[in-house]
Amino acid sequence: MTRHPGPRLRAVTYRDAMDPSAVWRDKNHRWRIEAYRAPDLRFAIFATNGPTESAPLWLFGMSALARWLMTHAISLDDLETD
């Protein structure tokens, strides 16, 4: 009796993992926030100043993002999609 393999699951590639699923900017365009789902929820925060931007600050989880937003006095109403 031959055994038939089940359906093949789609593997997550590095490219899929490093494409942001959402991007926001604050209303003053000083910060850019990118959300990633790879393999957990993480956020990359970039300080922007005209054509230049900083290296990313990586935050892991919603609670870390909430704390960062509070320390920088940024409300959810201040964020706009990019």
C-alpha atoms as a PDB file:
ATOM      1  CA  MET A   1       0.000   0.000   0.000  1.00  0.00           C
ATOM      2  CA  THR A   2       1.471   3.350  -1.001  1.00  0.00           C
ATOM      3  CA  ARG A   3       1.212   6.288   1.267  1.00  0.00           C
ATOM      4  CA  HIS A   4       0.110   9.588  -0.265  1.00  0.00           C
ATOM      5  CA  PRO A   5       1.445  12.757   1.302  1.00  0.00           C
ATOM      6  CA  GLY A   6      -1.057  15.311   2.513  1.00  0.00           C
ATOM      7  CA  PRO A   7      -1.415  18.749   0.981  1.00  0.00           C
ATOM      8  CA  ARG A   8       1.795  20.730   0.925  1.00  0.00           C
ATOM      9  CA  LEU A   9       1.824  23.653   3.317  1.00  0.00           C
ATOM     10  CA  ARG A  10       3.152  26.944   2.046  1.00  0.00           C
ATOM     11  CA  ALA A  11       6.446  27.730   3.737  1.00  0.00           C
ATOM     12  CA  VAL A  12       7.119  31.245   4.968  1.00  0.00           C
ATOM     13  CA  THR A  13      10.142  32.588   3.156  1.00  0.00           C
ATOM     14  CA  TYR A  14      12.552  35.250   4.356  1.00  0.00           C
ATOM     15  CA  ARG A  15      11.069  37.711   1.860  1.00  0.00           C
ATOM     16  CA  ASP A  16       7.546  37.131   3.214  1.00  0.00           C
ATOM     17  CA  ALA A  17       8.783  37.536   6.758  1.00  0.00           C
ATOM     18  CA  MET A  18      10.535  40.834   6.099  1.00  0.00           C
ATOM     19  CA  ASP A  19       7.796  42.597   4.127  1.00  0.00           C
ATOM     20  CA  PRO A  20       5.885  44.907   6.475  1.00  0.00           C
ATOM     21  CA  SER A  21       2.194  44.111   6.832  1.00  0.00           C
ATOM     22  CA  ALA A  22       1.378  47.723   7.803  1.00  0.00           C
ATOM     23  CA  VAL A  23       3.193  51.060   7.847  1.00  0.00           C
ATOM     24  CA  TRP A  24       2.256  54.206   9.795  1.00  0.00           C
ATOM     25  CA  ARG A  25       3.712  57.704  10.226  1.00  0.00           C
ATOM     26  CA  ASP A  26       3.013  60.212  12.941  1.00  0.00           C
ATOM     27  CA  LYS A  27       1.292  63.424  11.886  1.00  0.00           C
ATOM     28  CA  ASN A  28       4.579  65.387  12.063  1.00  0.00           C
ATOM     29  CA  HIS A  29       6.385  62.755   9.951  1.00  0.00           C
ATOM     30  CA  ARG A  30       9.150  62.402  12.547  1.00  0.00           C
ATOM     31  CA  TRP A  31       8.571  58.655  13.042  1.00  0.00           C
ATOM     32  CA  ARG A  32       7.740  55.715  10.784  1.00  0.00           C
ATOM     33  CA  ILE A  33       6.383  52.496  12.284  1.00  0.00           C
ATOM     34  CA  GLU A  34       6.382  49.213  10.352  1.00  0.00           C
ATOM     35  CA  ALA A  35       4.543  46.123  11.605  1.00  0.00           C
ATOM     36  CA  TYR A  36       5.830  42.606  10.849  1.00  0.00           C
ATOM     37  CA  ARG A  37       4.268  39.200  11.525  1.00  0.00           C
ATOM     38  CA  ALA A  38       7.382  37.064  11.473  1.00  0.00           C
ATOM     39  CA  PRO A  39       6.817  34.711  13.342  1.00  0.00           C
ATOM     40  CA  ASP A  40       5.405  36.880  16.132  1.00  0.00           C
ATOM     41  CA  LEU A  41       4.167  40.462  15.988  1.00  0.00           C
ATOM     42  CA  ARG A  42       7.044  42.936  15.996  1.00  0.00           C
ATOM     43  CA  PHE A  43       7.458  46.584  15.092  1.00  0.00           C
ATOM     44  CA  ALA A  44      10.341  48.543  13.573  1.00  0.00           C
ATOM     45  CA  ILE A  45      10.494  52.221  14.574  1.00  0.00           C
ATOM     46  CA  PHE A  46      12.477  54.609  12.365  1.00  0.00           C
ATOM     47  CA  ALA A  47      13.263  58.240  13.219  1.00  0.00           C
ATOM     48  CA  THR A  48      12.916  60.255  10.009  1.00  0.00           C
ATOM     49  CA  ASN A  49      14.381  63.648   9.210  1.00  0.00           C
ATOM     50  CA  GLY A  50      13.775  64.636   5.615  1.00  0.00           C
ATOM     51  CA  PRO A  51      15.629  62.219   3.317  1.00  0.00           C
ATOM     52  CA  THR A  52      17.504  60.462   6.141  1.00  0.00           C
ATOM     53  CA  GLU A  53      16.285  57.905   8.641  1.00  0.00           C
ATOM     54  CA  SER A  54      17.722  56.040  11.592  1.00  0.00           C
ATOM     55  CA  ALA A  55      18.448  52.378  12.036  1.00  0.00           C
ATOM     56  CA  PRO A  56      15.330  50.559  13.268  1.00  0.00           C
ATOM     57  CA  LEU A  57      14.425  50.204  16.914  1.00  0.00           C
ATOM     58  CA  TRP A  58      12.783  46.761  17.202  1.00  0.00           C
ATOM     59  CA  LEU A  59       9.831  46.354  19.570  1.00  0.00           C
ATOM     60  CA  PHE A  60       8.272  42.957  20.252  1.00  0.00           C
ATOM     61  CA  GLY A  61       4.522  42.859  20.889  1.00  0.00           C
ATOM     62  CA  MET A  62       1.699  45.356  21.236  1.00  0.00           C
ATOM     63  CA  SER A  63       2.541  46.218  24.851  1.00  0.00           C
ATOM     64  CA  ALA A  64       6.039  47.347  23.840  1.00  0.00           C
ATOM     65  CA  LEU A  65       4.584  49.524  21.065  1.00  0.00           C
ATOM     66  CA  ALA A  66       2.007  50.998  23.471  1.00  0.00           C
ATOM     67  CA  ARG A  67       4.744  51.896  25.985  1.00  0.00           C
ATOM     68  CA  TRP A  68       6.877  53.482  23.249  1.00  0.00           C
ATOM     69  CA  LEU A  69       3.938  55.545  21.950  1.00  0.00           C
ATOM     70  CA  MET A  70       3.124  56.742  25.484  1.00  0.00           C
ATOM     71  CA  THR A  71       6.723  57.760  26.251  1.00  0.00           C
ATOM     72  CA  HIS A  72       6.816  59.809  23.032  1.00  0.00           C
ATOM     73  CA  ALA A  73       3.351  61.338  23.642  1.00  0.00           C
ATOM     74  CA  ILE A  74       1.956  59.920  20.387  1.00  0.00           C
ATOM     75  CA  SER A  75      -1.704  58.913  20.408  1.00  0.00           C
ATOM     76  CA  LEU A  76      -3.315  56.491  17.979  1.00  0.00           C
ATOM     77  CA  ASP A  77      -5.155  59.460  16.446  1.00  0.00           C
ATOM     78  CA  ASP A  78      -1.763  60.958  15.537  1.00  0.00           C
ATOM     79  CA  LEU A  79      -0.886  57.988  13.301  1.00  0.00           C
ATOM     80  CA  GLU A  80      -1.680  57.932   9.597  1.00  0.00           C
ATOM     81  CA  THR A  81      -1.160  55.081   7.155  1.00  0.00           C
ATOM     82  CA  ASP A  82       1.780  55.402   4.824  1.00  0.00           C
END
